[in-house]
Amino acid sequence: MEWFKTLLIVLQVISALAVILLVLLQQGKGAD
C-alpha cells in the first residue's frame, strides 16, 4: 500500500497548489 500513501501526498500537494492559485487569481482580479 506504499503507492496509496504516495497518491495521498500527491493529492494533498495538488490541492494546496490549487488553493494558492485560486487565491492569487482572485487577488489579481481584485487588483484590477
PDB file of N, CA and C in Angstrom:
ATOM      1  N   MET A   1       0.832  -1.217   0.000  1.00  0.00           N
ATOM      2  CA  MET A   1       0.000   0.000   0.000  1.00  0.00           C
ATOM      3  C   MET A   1       0.860   1.258   0.000  1.00  0.00           C
ATOM      4  N   GLU A   2       2.138   1.109  -0.318  1.00  0.00           N
ATOM      5  CA  GLU A   2       3.022   2.284  -0.310  1.00  0.00           C
ATOM      6  C   GLU A   2       2.588   3.290  -1.373  1.00  0.00           C
ATOM      7  N   TRP A   3       2.114   2.786  -2.512  1.00  0.00           N
ATOM      8  CA  TRP A   3       1.688   3.685  -3.589  1.00  0.00           C
ATOM      9  C   TRP A   3       0.498   4.522  -3.147  1.00  0.00           C
ATOM     10  N   PHE A   4      -0.331   3.948  -2.258  1.00  0.00           N
ATOM     11  CA  PHE A   4      -1.517   4.674  -1.789  1.00  0.00           C
ATOM     12  C   PHE A   4      -1.104   5.892  -0.971  1.00  0.00           C
ATOM     13  N   LYS A   5      -0.097   5.711  -0.115  1.00  0.00           N
ATOM     14  CA  LYS A   5       0.399   6.844   0.685  1.00  0.00           C
ATOM     15  C   LYS A   5       0.963   7.919  -0.241  1.00  0.00           C
ATOM     16  N   THR A   6       1.712   7.483  -1.242  1.00  0.00           N
ATOM     17  CA  THR A   6       2.284   8.441  -2.200  1.00  0.00           C
ATOM     18  C   THR A   6       1.173   9.191  -2.916  1.00  0.00           C
ATOM     19  N   LEU A   7       0.120   8.464  -3.304  1.00  0.00           N
ATOM     20  CA  LEU A   7      -1.006   9.085  -4.005  1.00  0.00           C
ATOM     21  C   LEU A   7      -1.662  10.140  -3.125  1.00  0.00           C
ATOM     22  N   LEU A   8      -1.847   9.830  -1.852  1.00  0.00           N
ATOM     23  CA  LEU A   8      -2.455  10.787  -0.926  1.00  0.00           C
ATOM     24  C   LEU A   8      -1.603  12.044  -0.814  1.00  0.00           C
ATOM     25  N   ILE A   9      -0.292  11.870  -0.701  1.00  0.00           N
ATOM     26  CA  ILE A   9       0.613  13.024  -0.584  1.00  0.00           C
ATOM     27  C   ILE A   9       0.529  13.875  -1.846  1.00  0.00           C
ATOM     28  N   VAL A  10       0.532  13.229  -3.005  1.00  0.00           N
ATOM     29  CA  VAL A  10       0.448  13.964  -4.275  1.00  0.00           C
ATOM     30  C   VAL A  10      -0.856  14.750  -4.338  1.00  0.00           C
ATOM     31  N   LEU A  11      -1.956  14.114  -3.939  1.00  0.00           N
ATOM     32  CA  LEU A  11      -3.255  14.800  -3.956  1.00  0.00           C
ATOM     33  C   LEU A  11      -3.244  16.001  -3.021  1.00  0.00           C
ATOM     34  N   GLN A  12      -2.635  15.860  -1.858  1.00  0.00           N
ATOM     35  CA  GLN A  12      -2.566  16.972  -0.905  1.00  0.00           C
ATOM     36  C   GLN A  12      -1.763  18.124  -1.483  1.00  0.00           C
ATOM     37  N   VAL A  13      -0.649  17.810  -2.135  1.00  0.00           N
ATOM     38  CA  VAL A  13       0.186  18.858  -2.737  1.00  0.00           C
ATOM     39  C   VAL A  13      -0.584  19.581  -3.835  1.00  0.00           C
ATOM     40  N   ILE A  14      -1.265  18.812  -4.690  1.00  0.00           N
ATOM     41  CA  ILE A  14      -2.049  19.415  -5.779  1.00  0.00           C
ATOM     42  C   ILE A  14      -3.152  20.295  -5.204  1.00  0.00           C
ATOM     43  N   SER A  15      -3.815  19.821  -4.158  1.00  0.00           N
ATOM     44  CA  SER A  15      -4.890  20.605  -3.534  1.00  0.00           C
ATOM     45  C   SER A  15      -4.337  21.912  -2.985  1.00  0.00           C
ATOM     46  N   ALA A  16      -3.201  21.845  -2.314  1.00  0.00           N
ATOM     47  CA  ALA A  16      -2.598  23.055  -1.739  1.00  0.00           C
ATOM     48  C   ALA A  16      -2.237  24.041  -2.848  1.00  0.00           C
ATOM     49  N   LEU A  17      -1.644  23.542  -3.926  1.00  0.00           N
ATOM     50  CA  LEU A  17      -1.268  24.415  -5.040  1.00  0.00           C
ATOM     51  C   LEU A  17      -2.511  25.028  -5.676  1.00  0.00           C
ATOM     52  N   ALA A  18      -3.580  24.249  -5.808  1.00  0.00           N
ATOM     53  CA  ALA A  18      -4.821  24.747  -6.408  1.00  0.00           C
ATOM     54  C   ALA A  18      -5.392  25.882  -5.566  1.00  0.00           C
ATOM     55  N   VAL A  19      -5.383  25.722  -4.241  1.00  0.00           N
ATOM     56  CA  VAL A  19      -5.895  26.769  -3.349  1.00  0.00           C
ATOM     57  C   VAL A  19      -5.061  28.037  -3.493  1.00  0.00           C
ATOM     58  N   ILE A  20      -3.739  27.886  -3.514  1.00  0.00           N
ATOM     59  CA  ILE A  20      -2.851  29.053  -3.646  1.00  0.00           C
ATOM     60  C   ILE A  20      -3.105  29.758  -4.976  1.00  0.00           C
ATOM     61  N   LEU A  21      -3.244  28.980  -6.058  1.00  0.00           N
ATOM     62  CA  LEU A  21      -3.503  29.574  -7.371  1.00  0.00           C
ATOM     63  C   LEU A  21      -4.821  30.333  -7.368  1.00  0.00           C
ATOM     64  N   LEU A  22      -5.858  29.754  -6.761  1.00  0.00           N
ATOM     65  CA  LEU A  22      -7.163  30.425  -6.704  1.00  0.00           C
ATOM     66  C   LEU A  22      -7.050  31.745  -5.961  1.00  0.00           C
ATOM     67  N   VAL A  23      -6.352  31.749  -4.837  1.00  0.00           N
ATOM     68  CA  VAL A  23      -6.186  32.978  -4.048  1.00  0.00           C
ATOM     69  C   VAL A  23      -5.440  34.025  -4.863  1.00  0.00           C
ATOM     70  N   LEU A  24      -4.361  33.610  -5.523  1.00  0.00           N
ATOM     71  CA  LEU A  24      -3.578  34.556  -6.324  1.00  0.00           C
ATOM     72  C   LEU A  24      -4.415  35.119  -7.469  1.00  0.00           C
ATOM     73  N   LEU A  25      -5.193  34.258  -8.126  1.00  0.00           N
ATOM     74  CA  LEU A  25      -6.037  34.711  -9.233  1.00  0.00           C
ATOM     75  C   LEU A  25      -7.076  35.711  -8.744  1.00  0.00           C
ATOM     76  N   GLN A  26      -7.705  35.424  -7.609  1.00  0.00           N
ATOM     77  CA  GLN A  26      -8.731  36.322  -7.077  1.00  0.00           C
ATOM     78  C   GLN A  26      -8.108  37.652  -6.667  1.00  0.00           C
ATOM     79  N   GLN A  27      -6.907  37.619  -6.091  1.00  0.00           N
ATOM     80  CA  GLN A  27      -6.233  38.858  -5.705  1.00  0.00           C
ATOM     81  C   GLN A  27      -5.890  39.659  -6.959  1.00  0.00           C
ATOM     82  N   GLY A  28      -5.463  38.978  -8.009  1.00  0.00           N
ATOM     83  CA  GLY A  28      -5.112  39.643  -9.257  1.00  0.00           C
ATOM     84  C   GLY A  28      -6.331  40.321  -9.868  1.00  0.00           C
ATOM     85  N   LYS A  29      -7.476  39.627  -9.842  1.00  0.00           N
ATOM     86  CA  LYS A  29      -8.704  40.214 -10.379  1.00  0.00           C
ATOM     87  C   LYS A  29      -9.132  41.398  -9.532  1.00  0.00           C
ATOM     88  N   GLY A  30      -8.959  41.277  -8.208  1.00  0.00           N
ATOM     89  CA  GLY A  30      -9.340  42.364  -7.308  1.00  0.00           C
ATOM     90  C   GLY A  30      -8.469  43.589  -7.534  1.00  0.00           C
ATOM     91  N   ALA A  31      -7.202  43.366  -7.906  1.00  0.00           N
ATOM     92  CA  ALA A  31      -6.275  44.479  -8.132  1.00  0.00           C
ATOM     93  C   ALA A  31      -6.722  45.300  -9.345  1.00  0.00           C
ATOM     94  N   ASP A  32      -7.347  44.625 -10.313  1.00  0.00           N
ATOM     95  CA  ASP A  32      -7.846  45.349 -11.487  1.00  0.00           C
ATOM     96  C   ASP A  32      -8.957  46.268 -11.032  1.00  0.00           C
TER      97      ASP A  32
END
